């Protein structure tokens, strides 16, 4: 799940094209830390709350959609990194990476299934939860980093088409949000 196309990876790719891998790293770290936290929370029982209170899942879906649409707008309207217009553009922050992942319904669903398969049936469950949480962080970091590295490598190749690339990536992120409701 960490390396499959999704909102976090689209933002990582777009950010690396525009700002390079080093400036995208806070987003990657924020998304990975958030995913590790999600896995841990699900493992200590939040999954039962999500199942018992379906309204929370709906709230997560709508708030997540609004935040991701905001990020899609930011990506689609960002200037080329070589743009001399003086426009201030910044790479997504650690907090934005954490929020993108934390508000991503896919992250919650994947973590719930992972905890059910790899933690719940094992004893002592808490030890397995810690191991699974750490592994989830590492795998998420590697998966999102692959997309960021790919974006960094594409950056110099598409520099003359950067604004069009930004618009396409913003559109793809917007379509990912729409697909949550279909």
N, C-alpha and C. Protein backbone atom coordinates (compact mmCIF):
# COMPACT_ATOMS: atom_id res chain seq x y z
N UNK A 1 0.80 -1.20 0.00
CA UNK A 1 0.00 0.00 0.00
C UNK A 1 0.84 1.27 0.00
N UNK A 2 2.03 1.22 0.60
CA UNK A 2 2.86 2.43 0.73
C UNK A 2 3.41 2.88 -0.62
N UNK A 3 3.60 1.96 -1.55
CA UNK A 3 4.18 2.34 -2.84
C UNK A 3 3.14 2.48 -3.94
N UNK A 4 1.87 2.19 -3.63
CA UNK A 4 0.84 2.31 -4.65
C UNK A 4 0.45 3.77 -4.83
N UNK A 5 -0.06 4.13 -6.02
CA UNK A 5 -0.45 5.52 -6.24
C UNK A 5 -1.51 5.95 -5.24
N UNK A 6 -1.38 7.13 -4.75
CA UNK A 6 -2.34 7.68 -3.80
C UNK A 6 -1.96 9.12 -3.49
N UNK A 7 -2.75 9.78 -2.67
CA UNK A 7 -2.52 11.20 -2.40
C UNK A 7 -1.12 11.52 -1.87
N UNK A 8 -0.64 10.77 -0.91
CA UNK A 8 0.66 11.05 -0.31
C UNK A 8 1.77 10.94 -1.36
N UNK A 9 1.69 9.91 -2.20
CA UNK A 9 2.71 9.69 -3.21
C UNK A 9 2.64 10.70 -4.34
N UNK A 10 1.44 11.11 -4.72
CA UNK A 10 1.29 12.14 -5.75
C UNK A 10 1.91 13.45 -5.26
N UNK A 11 1.65 13.80 -4.02
CA UNK A 11 2.23 15.04 -3.46
C UNK A 11 3.74 14.92 -3.38
N UNK A 12 4.26 13.76 -2.97
CA UNK A 12 5.71 13.57 -2.87
C UNK A 12 6.37 13.72 -4.24
N UNK A 13 5.78 13.14 -5.26
CA UNK A 13 6.34 13.24 -6.61
C UNK A 13 6.33 14.68 -7.09
N UNK A 14 5.19 15.32 -6.95
CA UNK A 14 5.07 16.70 -7.40
C UNK A 14 6.03 17.62 -6.64
N UNK A 15 6.13 17.43 -5.35
CA UNK A 15 7.02 18.26 -4.55
C UNK A 15 8.47 18.07 -4.97
N UNK A 16 8.87 16.83 -5.22
CA UNK A 16 10.26 16.58 -5.62
C UNK A 16 10.58 17.15 -6.99
N UNK A 17 9.62 17.13 -7.90
CA UNK A 17 9.85 17.75 -9.20
C UNK A 17 10.10 19.24 -9.01
N UNK A 18 9.31 19.85 -8.13
CA UNK A 18 9.39 21.30 -7.95
C UNK A 18 10.48 21.76 -6.99
N UNK A 19 10.77 20.97 -5.96
CA UNK A 19 11.66 21.44 -4.91
C UNK A 19 12.85 20.53 -4.64
N UNK A 20 12.89 19.36 -5.26
CA UNK A 20 13.97 18.41 -5.02
C UNK A 20 13.65 17.49 -3.85
N UNK A 21 14.42 16.41 -3.77
CA UNK A 21 14.17 15.40 -2.75
C UNK A 21 14.41 15.93 -1.35
N UNK A 22 15.48 16.67 -1.16
CA UNK A 22 15.85 17.14 0.19
C UNK A 22 14.74 18.00 0.79
N UNK A 23 14.15 18.89 0.00
CA UNK A 23 13.09 19.76 0.52
C UNK A 23 11.75 19.02 0.65
N UNK A 24 11.63 17.85 0.00
CA UNK A 24 10.42 17.03 0.10
C UNK A 24 10.50 16.07 1.28
N UNK A 25 11.69 15.85 1.80
CA UNK A 25 11.89 14.89 2.89
C UNK A 25 11.00 15.15 4.12
N UNK A 26 10.76 16.40 4.54
CA UNK A 26 9.83 16.60 5.67
C UNK A 26 8.43 16.03 5.39
N UNK A 27 7.94 16.17 4.17
CA UNK A 27 6.63 15.59 3.80
C UNK A 27 6.69 14.07 3.94
N UNK A 28 7.76 13.46 3.43
CA UNK A 28 7.92 12.01 3.48
C UNK A 28 7.96 11.55 4.94
N UNK A 29 8.74 12.23 5.76
CA UNK A 29 8.84 11.88 7.18
C UNK A 29 7.51 12.07 7.90
N UNK A 30 6.81 13.16 7.61
CA UNK A 30 5.52 13.43 8.24
C UNK A 30 4.50 12.36 7.90
N UNK A 31 4.44 11.97 6.61
CA UNK A 31 3.51 10.93 6.19
C UNK A 31 3.85 9.59 6.83
N UNK A 32 5.14 9.29 6.92
CA UNK A 32 5.57 8.01 7.50
C UNK A 32 5.30 7.96 9.00
N UNK A 33 5.59 9.05 9.69
CA UNK A 33 5.33 9.11 11.13
C UNK A 33 3.83 9.01 11.40
N UNK A 34 3.04 9.68 10.59
CA UNK A 34 1.59 9.62 10.74
C UNK A 34 1.08 8.21 10.51
N UNK A 35 1.61 7.53 9.51
CA UNK A 35 1.16 6.16 9.25
C UNK A 35 1.55 5.24 10.40
N UNK A 36 2.75 5.40 10.93
CA UNK A 36 3.15 4.60 12.09
C UNK A 36 2.21 4.83 13.26
N UNK A 37 1.83 6.08 13.48
CA UNK A 37 0.89 6.41 14.56
C UNK A 37 -0.48 5.79 14.31
N UNK A 38 -0.94 5.85 13.06
CA UNK A 38 -2.23 5.24 12.72
C UNK A 38 -2.21 3.75 13.02
N UNK A 39 -1.15 3.06 12.61
CA UNK A 39 -1.03 1.62 12.86
C UNK A 39 -1.07 1.35 14.37
N UNK A 40 -0.34 2.15 15.12
CA UNK A 40 -0.30 1.95 16.57
C UNK A 40 -1.68 2.19 17.20
N UNK A 41 -2.34 3.28 16.80
CA UNK A 41 -3.66 3.58 17.35
C UNK A 41 -4.68 2.50 17.00
N UNK A 42 -4.63 2.03 15.77
CA UNK A 42 -5.53 0.95 15.38
C UNK A 42 -5.23 -0.29 16.21
N UNK A 43 -3.95 -0.56 16.42
CA UNK A 43 -3.55 -1.75 17.17
C UNK A 43 -3.96 -1.72 18.63
N UNK A 44 -4.05 -0.53 19.22
CA UNK A 44 -4.45 -0.47 20.64
C UNK A 44 -5.96 -0.33 20.82
N UNK A 45 -6.68 -0.41 19.71
CA UNK A 45 -8.12 -0.47 19.86
C UNK A 45 -8.94 0.57 19.12
N UNK A 46 -8.31 1.51 18.45
CA UNK A 46 -9.08 2.53 17.75
C UNK A 46 -9.89 1.91 16.61
N UNK A 47 -9.44 0.77 16.08
CA UNK A 47 -10.22 0.13 15.02
C UNK A 47 -11.62 -0.21 15.49
N UNK A 48 -11.76 -0.59 16.77
CA UNK A 48 -13.09 -0.91 17.30
C UNK A 48 -13.97 0.34 17.34
N UNK A 49 -13.37 1.47 17.69
CA UNK A 49 -14.11 2.74 17.69
C UNK A 49 -14.58 3.06 16.26
N UNK A 50 -13.70 2.86 15.29
CA UNK A 50 -14.06 3.13 13.90
C UNK A 50 -15.21 2.23 13.44
N UNK A 51 -15.20 0.99 13.91
CA UNK A 51 -16.28 0.07 13.54
C UNK A 51 -17.57 0.39 14.28
N UNK A 52 -17.46 0.80 15.56
CA UNK A 52 -18.64 1.10 16.37
C UNK A 52 -19.28 2.44 16.04
N UNK A 53 -18.48 3.39 15.57
CA UNK A 53 -18.97 4.73 15.28
C UNK A 53 -18.69 5.05 13.80
N UNK A 54 -19.54 4.53 12.91
CA UNK A 54 -19.30 4.73 11.48
C UNK A 54 -19.30 6.21 11.09
N UNK A 55 -19.93 7.06 11.88
CA UNK A 55 -19.95 8.48 11.57
C UNK A 55 -18.53 9.06 11.58
N UNK A 56 -17.65 8.52 12.45
CA UNK A 56 -16.27 8.99 12.49
C UNK A 56 -15.57 8.73 11.16
N UNK A 57 -15.83 7.56 10.57
CA UNK A 57 -15.24 7.24 9.27
C UNK A 57 -15.73 8.19 8.19
N UNK A 58 -17.03 8.53 8.24
CA UNK A 58 -17.57 9.48 7.27
C UNK A 58 -16.95 10.86 7.45
N UNK A 59 -16.80 11.29 8.70
CA UNK A 59 -16.19 12.58 9.00
C UNK A 59 -14.76 12.60 8.47
N UNK A 60 -14.02 11.52 8.71
CA UNK A 60 -12.64 11.41 8.24
C UNK A 60 -12.60 11.51 6.72
N UNK A 61 -13.54 10.88 6.06
CA UNK A 61 -13.59 10.89 4.60
C UNK A 61 -13.81 12.31 4.07
N UNK A 62 -14.76 13.05 4.65
CA UNK A 62 -15.07 14.40 4.16
C UNK A 62 -13.98 15.42 4.51
N UNK A 63 -13.47 15.37 5.72
CA UNK A 63 -12.38 16.29 6.10
C UNK A 63 -11.15 15.98 5.26
N UNK A 64 -10.86 14.68 5.08
CA UNK A 64 -9.73 14.28 4.26
C UNK A 64 -9.89 14.76 2.82
N UNK A 65 -11.08 14.63 2.28
CA UNK A 65 -11.32 15.07 0.91
C UNK A 65 -11.10 16.57 0.77
N UNK A 66 -11.59 17.34 1.72
CA UNK A 66 -11.39 18.80 1.66
C UNK A 66 -9.91 19.17 1.73
N UNK A 67 -9.16 18.53 2.64
CA UNK A 67 -7.73 18.82 2.76
C UNK A 67 -6.98 18.41 1.49
N UNK A 68 -7.32 17.25 0.95
CA UNK A 68 -6.64 16.79 -0.25
C UNK A 68 -6.98 17.65 -1.46
N UNK A 69 -8.21 18.15 -1.54
CA UNK A 69 -8.56 19.08 -2.62
C UNK A 69 -7.79 20.39 -2.48
N UNK A 70 -7.59 20.84 -1.25
CA UNK A 70 -6.76 22.02 -1.01
C UNK A 70 -5.32 21.78 -1.49
N UNK A 71 -4.78 20.58 -1.17
CA UNK A 71 -3.42 20.26 -1.61
C UNK A 71 -3.37 20.15 -3.14
N UNK A 72 -4.41 19.59 -3.77
CA UNK A 72 -4.47 19.50 -5.23
C UNK A 72 -4.44 20.89 -5.85
N UNK A 73 -5.20 21.82 -5.26
CA UNK A 73 -5.20 23.20 -5.73
C UNK A 73 -3.81 23.82 -5.62
N UNK A 74 -3.16 23.60 -4.46
CA UNK A 74 -1.80 24.15 -4.28
C UNK A 74 -0.83 23.60 -5.31
N UNK A 75 -0.93 22.32 -5.59
CA UNK A 75 -0.03 21.71 -6.58
C UNK A 75 -0.33 22.26 -7.97
N UNK A 76 -1.60 22.28 -8.35
CA UNK A 76 -1.99 22.70 -9.70
C UNK A 76 -1.66 24.16 -9.98
N UNK A 77 -1.65 24.98 -8.95
CA UNK A 77 -1.41 26.41 -9.16
C UNK A 77 0.02 26.83 -8.81
N UNK A 78 0.88 25.88 -8.45
CA UNK A 78 2.24 26.26 -8.10
C UNK A 78 3.02 26.64 -9.35
N UNK A 79 3.93 27.55 -9.17
CA UNK A 79 4.76 28.06 -10.26
C UNK A 79 5.93 27.12 -10.48
N UNK A 80 6.55 27.25 -11.63
CA UNK A 80 7.77 26.48 -11.90
C UNK A 80 8.86 26.97 -10.96
N UNK A 81 9.72 26.06 -10.54
CA UNK A 81 10.76 26.44 -9.58
C UNK A 81 11.72 27.46 -10.17
N UNK A 82 11.79 27.55 -11.49
CA UNK A 82 12.67 28.54 -12.12
C UNK A 82 11.93 29.83 -12.45
N UNK A 83 10.68 29.93 -12.04
CA UNK A 83 9.86 31.10 -12.31
C UNK A 83 10.44 32.32 -11.60
N UNK A 84 10.69 33.36 -12.34
CA UNK A 84 11.31 34.56 -11.77
C UNK A 84 10.28 35.59 -11.31
N UNK A 85 9.04 35.19 -11.17
CA UNK A 85 7.99 36.14 -10.82
C UNK A 85 8.06 36.57 -9.36
N UNK A 86 8.91 35.93 -8.60
CA UNK A 86 9.02 36.28 -7.18
C UNK A 86 7.99 35.59 -6.32
N UNK A 87 7.17 34.73 -6.92
CA UNK A 87 6.16 34.02 -6.13
C UNK A 87 6.85 33.10 -5.13
N UNK A 88 6.38 33.13 -3.91
CA UNK A 88 6.95 32.28 -2.88
C UNK A 88 6.25 30.93 -2.92
N UNK A 89 7.03 29.90 -3.16
CA UNK A 89 6.48 28.56 -3.16
C UNK A 89 7.29 27.74 -2.18
N UNK A 90 6.60 26.88 -1.45
CA UNK A 90 7.30 26.06 -0.47
C UNK A 90 6.89 24.60 -0.63
N UNK A 91 7.81 23.75 -0.30
CA UNK A 91 7.54 22.31 -0.32
C UNK A 91 6.59 21.98 0.82
N UNK A 92 5.83 20.89 0.69
CA UNK A 92 4.94 20.50 1.78
C UNK A 92 5.74 20.20 3.05
N UNK A 93 5.21 20.60 4.16
CA UNK A 93 5.89 20.47 5.45
C UNK A 93 5.66 19.08 6.07
N UNK A 94 6.35 18.84 7.18
CA UNK A 94 6.16 17.62 7.97
C UNK A 94 4.69 17.52 8.38
N UNK A 95 4.13 18.64 8.87
CA UNK A 95 2.73 18.64 9.31
C UNK A 95 1.78 18.34 8.16
N UNK A 96 2.04 18.92 6.99
CA UNK A 96 1.17 18.65 5.85
C UNK A 96 1.27 17.18 5.42
N UNK A 97 2.46 16.61 5.48
CA UNK A 97 2.61 15.18 5.18
C UNK A 97 1.84 14.34 6.18
N UNK A 98 1.95 14.72 7.47
CA UNK A 98 1.23 13.98 8.52
C UNK A 98 -0.28 14.10 8.34
N UNK A 99 -0.75 15.30 8.04
CA UNK A 99 -2.19 15.49 7.84
C UNK A 99 -2.70 14.75 6.61
N UNK A 100 -1.91 14.81 5.52
CA UNK A 100 -2.32 14.12 4.30
C UNK A 100 -2.50 12.63 4.58
N UNK A 101 -1.54 12.04 5.29
CA UNK A 101 -1.64 10.62 5.61
C UNK A 101 -2.74 10.36 6.65
N UNK A 102 -2.81 11.20 7.67
CA UNK A 102 -3.78 11.00 8.74
C UNK A 102 -5.22 11.15 8.28
N UNK A 103 -5.44 11.94 7.24
CA UNK A 103 -6.79 12.14 6.71
C UNK A 103 -7.06 11.28 5.49
N UNK A 104 -6.17 10.36 5.21
CA UNK A 104 -6.30 9.49 4.05
C UNK A 104 -7.02 8.20 4.46
N UNK A 105 -8.26 8.01 4.02
CA UNK A 105 -9.00 6.80 4.41
C UNK A 105 -8.28 5.51 4.05
N UNK A 106 -7.53 5.52 2.94
CA UNK A 106 -6.78 4.33 2.53
C UNK A 106 -5.80 3.91 3.62
N UNK A 107 -5.14 4.88 4.25
CA UNK A 107 -4.17 4.57 5.31
C UNK A 107 -4.85 3.86 6.48
N UNK A 108 -6.04 4.32 6.84
CA UNK A 108 -6.76 3.69 7.95
C UNK A 108 -7.21 2.28 7.60
N UNK A 109 -7.71 2.10 6.39
CA UNK A 109 -8.18 0.77 5.98
C UNK A 109 -7.03 -0.22 5.88
N UNK A 110 -5.92 0.20 5.29
CA UNK A 110 -4.76 -0.68 5.16
C UNK A 110 -4.21 -1.04 6.54
N UNK A 111 -4.15 -0.06 7.43
CA UNK A 111 -3.62 -0.35 8.77
C UNK A 111 -4.54 -1.30 9.53
N UNK A 112 -5.85 -1.14 9.37
CA UNK A 112 -6.79 -2.04 10.05
C UNK A 112 -6.61 -3.48 9.56
N UNK A 113 -6.45 -3.66 8.27
CA UNK A 113 -6.27 -5.02 7.76
C UNK A 113 -4.91 -5.57 8.16
N UNK A 114 -3.88 -4.74 8.16
CA UNK A 114 -2.55 -5.18 8.57
C UNK A 114 -2.50 -5.60 10.02
N UNK A 115 -3.12 -4.82 10.89
CA UNK A 115 -3.16 -5.17 12.32
C UNK A 115 -3.94 -6.47 12.51
N UNK A 116 -5.05 -6.61 11.78
CA UNK A 116 -5.86 -7.83 11.92
C UNK A 116 -5.09 -9.07 11.49
N UNK A 117 -4.25 -8.94 10.47
CA UNK A 117 -3.52 -10.10 9.95
C UNK A 117 -2.23 -10.38 10.72
N UNK A 118 -1.46 -9.33 11.05
CA UNK A 118 -0.12 -9.52 11.58
C UNK A 118 0.02 -9.33 13.09
N UNK A 119 -0.96 -8.69 13.74
CA UNK A 119 -0.83 -8.42 15.17
C UNK A 119 -1.82 -9.23 15.99
N UNK A 120 -3.09 -9.10 15.69
CA UNK A 120 -4.14 -9.69 16.50
C UNK A 120 -3.96 -11.19 16.77
N UNK A 121 -3.60 -12.00 15.77
CA UNK A 121 -3.52 -13.44 16.04
C UNK A 121 -2.26 -13.87 16.82
N UNK A 122 -1.35 -12.96 17.11
CA UNK A 122 -0.08 -13.32 17.74
C UNK A 122 -0.03 -12.92 19.21
N UNK A 123 0.78 -13.66 19.96
CA UNK A 123 0.96 -13.38 21.38
C UNK A 123 2.45 -13.23 21.66
N UNK A 124 2.85 -12.24 22.42
CA UNK A 124 2.07 -11.16 23.00
C UNK A 124 1.76 -10.08 21.96
N UNK A 125 0.51 -9.73 21.86
CA UNK A 125 0.02 -8.81 20.82
C UNK A 125 0.73 -7.46 20.87
N UNK A 126 1.01 -6.94 22.07
CA UNK A 126 1.63 -5.62 22.14
C UNK A 126 3.03 -5.64 21.54
N UNK A 127 3.77 -6.70 21.75
CA UNK A 127 5.11 -6.81 21.15
C UNK A 127 5.01 -6.84 19.63
N UNK A 128 4.08 -7.62 19.13
CA UNK A 128 3.88 -7.67 17.69
C UNK A 128 3.40 -6.32 17.15
N UNK A 129 2.60 -5.61 17.92
CA UNK A 129 2.14 -4.29 17.51
C UNK A 129 3.32 -3.32 17.38
N UNK A 130 4.23 -3.34 18.34
CA UNK A 130 5.40 -2.45 18.26
C UNK A 130 6.23 -2.79 17.03
N UNK A 131 6.48 -4.06 16.82
CA UNK A 131 7.27 -4.48 15.66
C UNK A 131 6.57 -4.08 14.37
N UNK A 132 5.26 -4.32 14.30
CA UNK A 132 4.49 -3.99 13.09
C UNK A 132 4.45 -2.47 12.87
N UNK A 133 4.36 -1.71 13.94
CA UNK A 133 4.36 -0.24 13.83
C UNK A 133 5.68 0.25 13.26
N UNK A 134 6.79 -0.25 13.78
CA UNK A 134 8.12 0.17 13.29
C UNK A 134 8.29 -0.25 11.83
N UNK A 135 7.92 -1.48 11.51
CA UNK A 135 8.02 -1.93 10.12
C UNK A 135 7.13 -1.10 9.19
N UNK A 136 5.95 -0.75 9.67
CA UNK A 136 5.04 0.08 8.86
C UNK A 136 5.65 1.45 8.58
N UNK A 137 6.29 2.04 9.60
CA UNK A 137 6.96 3.33 9.40
C UNK A 137 8.05 3.20 8.34
N UNK A 138 8.88 2.17 8.46
CA UNK A 138 10.01 1.98 7.53
C UNK A 138 9.50 1.74 6.11
N UNK A 139 8.51 0.86 5.97
CA UNK A 139 7.98 0.56 4.64
C UNK A 139 7.31 1.79 4.03
N UNK A 140 6.58 2.54 4.83
CA UNK A 140 5.94 3.77 4.34
C UNK A 140 7.02 4.77 3.90
N UNK A 141 8.04 4.93 4.73
CA UNK A 141 9.13 5.85 4.39
C UNK A 141 9.77 5.45 3.06
N UNK A 142 10.05 4.17 2.88
CA UNK A 142 10.67 3.70 1.64
C UNK A 142 9.73 3.86 0.45
N UNK A 143 8.45 3.52 0.64
CA UNK A 143 7.48 3.62 -0.45
C UNK A 143 7.29 5.05 -0.92
N UNK A 144 7.10 5.98 0.01
CA UNK A 144 6.90 7.38 -0.36
C UNK A 144 8.21 7.96 -0.91
N UNK A 145 9.33 7.53 -0.36
CA UNK A 145 10.64 8.02 -0.84
C UNK A 145 10.87 7.63 -2.30
N UNK A 146 10.42 6.43 -2.68
CA UNK A 146 10.57 6.01 -4.08
C UNK A 146 9.89 7.01 -5.01
N UNK A 147 8.69 7.43 -4.64
CA UNK A 147 7.97 8.41 -5.45
C UNK A 147 8.68 9.76 -5.45
N UNK A 148 9.22 10.15 -4.30
CA UNK A 148 9.94 11.42 -4.21
C UNK A 148 11.22 11.38 -5.03
N UNK A 149 11.95 10.29 -4.98
CA UNK A 149 13.17 10.15 -5.77
C UNK A 149 12.82 10.18 -7.26
N UNK A 150 11.75 9.49 -7.64
CA UNK A 150 11.33 9.51 -9.05
C UNK A 150 11.01 10.94 -9.49
N UNK A 151 10.31 11.68 -8.64
CA UNK A 151 10.01 13.07 -8.96
C UNK A 151 11.28 13.91 -9.09
N UNK A 152 12.21 13.68 -8.19
CA UNK A 152 13.48 14.41 -8.23
C UNK A 152 14.23 14.12 -9.54
N UNK A 153 14.23 12.85 -9.94
CA UNK A 153 14.91 12.47 -11.18
C UNK A 153 14.20 13.05 -12.41
N UNK A 154 12.89 13.16 -12.35
CA UNK A 154 12.13 13.73 -13.47
C UNK A 154 12.25 15.24 -13.53
N UNK A 155 12.60 15.87 -12.40
CA UNK A 155 12.61 17.32 -12.32
C UNK A 155 13.39 17.99 -13.43
N UNK A 156 14.61 17.54 -13.68
CA UNK A 156 15.43 18.19 -14.70
C UNK A 156 14.94 17.85 -16.10
N UNK A 157 14.32 16.68 -16.26
CA UNK A 157 13.83 16.29 -17.58
C UNK A 157 12.61 17.09 -18.02
N UNK A 158 11.79 17.49 -17.05
CA UNK A 158 10.54 18.17 -17.43
C UNK A 158 10.53 19.65 -17.04
N UNK A 159 11.69 20.22 -16.81
CA UNK A 159 11.73 21.60 -16.31
C UNK A 159 10.97 22.56 -17.22
N UNK A 160 11.00 22.35 -18.52
CA UNK A 160 10.29 23.27 -19.41
C UNK A 160 8.78 23.03 -19.41
N UNK A 161 8.36 21.89 -18.88
CA UNK A 161 6.94 21.56 -18.82
C UNK A 161 6.43 21.51 -17.37
N UNK A 162 7.14 22.17 -16.48
CA UNK A 162 6.86 22.03 -15.05
C UNK A 162 5.46 22.52 -14.68
N UNK A 163 5.02 23.62 -15.23
CA UNK A 163 3.69 24.14 -14.89
C UNK A 163 2.61 23.16 -15.38
N UNK A 164 2.78 22.60 -16.57
CA UNK A 164 1.82 21.62 -17.07
C UNK A 164 1.87 20.37 -16.19
N UNK A 165 3.06 19.94 -15.79
CA UNK A 165 3.19 18.79 -14.89
C UNK A 165 2.45 19.05 -13.58
N UNK A 166 2.63 20.25 -13.01
CA UNK A 166 1.96 20.60 -11.76
C UNK A 166 0.45 20.51 -11.91
N UNK A 167 -0.06 21.00 -13.02
CA UNK A 167 -1.50 20.95 -13.24
C UNK A 167 -2.00 19.52 -13.39
N UNK A 168 -1.24 18.69 -14.08
CA UNK A 168 -1.63 17.28 -14.24
C UNK A 168 -1.61 16.57 -12.89
N UNK A 169 -0.57 16.83 -12.08
CA UNK A 169 -0.47 16.18 -10.77
C UNK A 169 -1.60 16.67 -9.85
N UNK A 170 -1.93 17.96 -9.92
CA UNK A 170 -3.06 18.48 -9.14
C UNK A 170 -4.37 17.83 -9.56
N UNK A 171 -4.53 17.65 -10.86
CA UNK A 171 -5.73 16.99 -11.39
C UNK A 171 -5.78 15.53 -10.93
N UNK A 172 -4.65 14.83 -10.99
CA UNK A 172 -4.62 13.43 -10.54
C UNK A 172 -4.98 13.31 -9.06
N UNK A 173 -4.48 14.24 -8.25
CA UNK A 173 -4.82 14.22 -6.83
C UNK A 173 -6.30 14.49 -6.65
N UNK A 174 -6.84 15.45 -7.40
CA UNK A 174 -8.27 15.73 -7.33
C UNK A 174 -9.10 14.51 -7.74
N UNK A 175 -8.66 13.80 -8.78
CA UNK A 175 -9.37 12.60 -9.22
C UNK A 175 -9.28 11.49 -8.18
N UNK A 176 -8.15 11.41 -7.47
CA UNK A 176 -8.03 10.43 -6.38
C UNK A 176 -9.06 10.72 -5.29
N UNK A 177 -9.28 12.00 -5.02
CA UNK A 177 -10.29 12.38 -4.02
C UNK A 177 -11.68 12.00 -4.51
N UNK A 178 -11.98 12.30 -5.76
CA UNK A 178 -13.29 11.97 -6.32
C UNK A 178 -13.52 10.46 -6.27
N UNK A 179 -12.46 9.69 -6.52
CA UNK A 179 -12.62 8.23 -6.52
C UNK A 179 -13.00 7.68 -5.14
N UNK A 180 -12.72 8.43 -4.08
CA UNK A 180 -13.13 7.99 -2.73
C UNK A 180 -14.64 7.97 -2.59
N UNK A 181 -15.34 8.74 -3.41
CA UNK A 181 -16.78 8.85 -3.29
C UNK A 181 -17.53 8.03 -4.33
N UNK A 182 -16.79 7.37 -5.19
CA UNK A 182 -17.43 6.56 -6.26
C UNK A 182 -17.46 5.10 -5.84
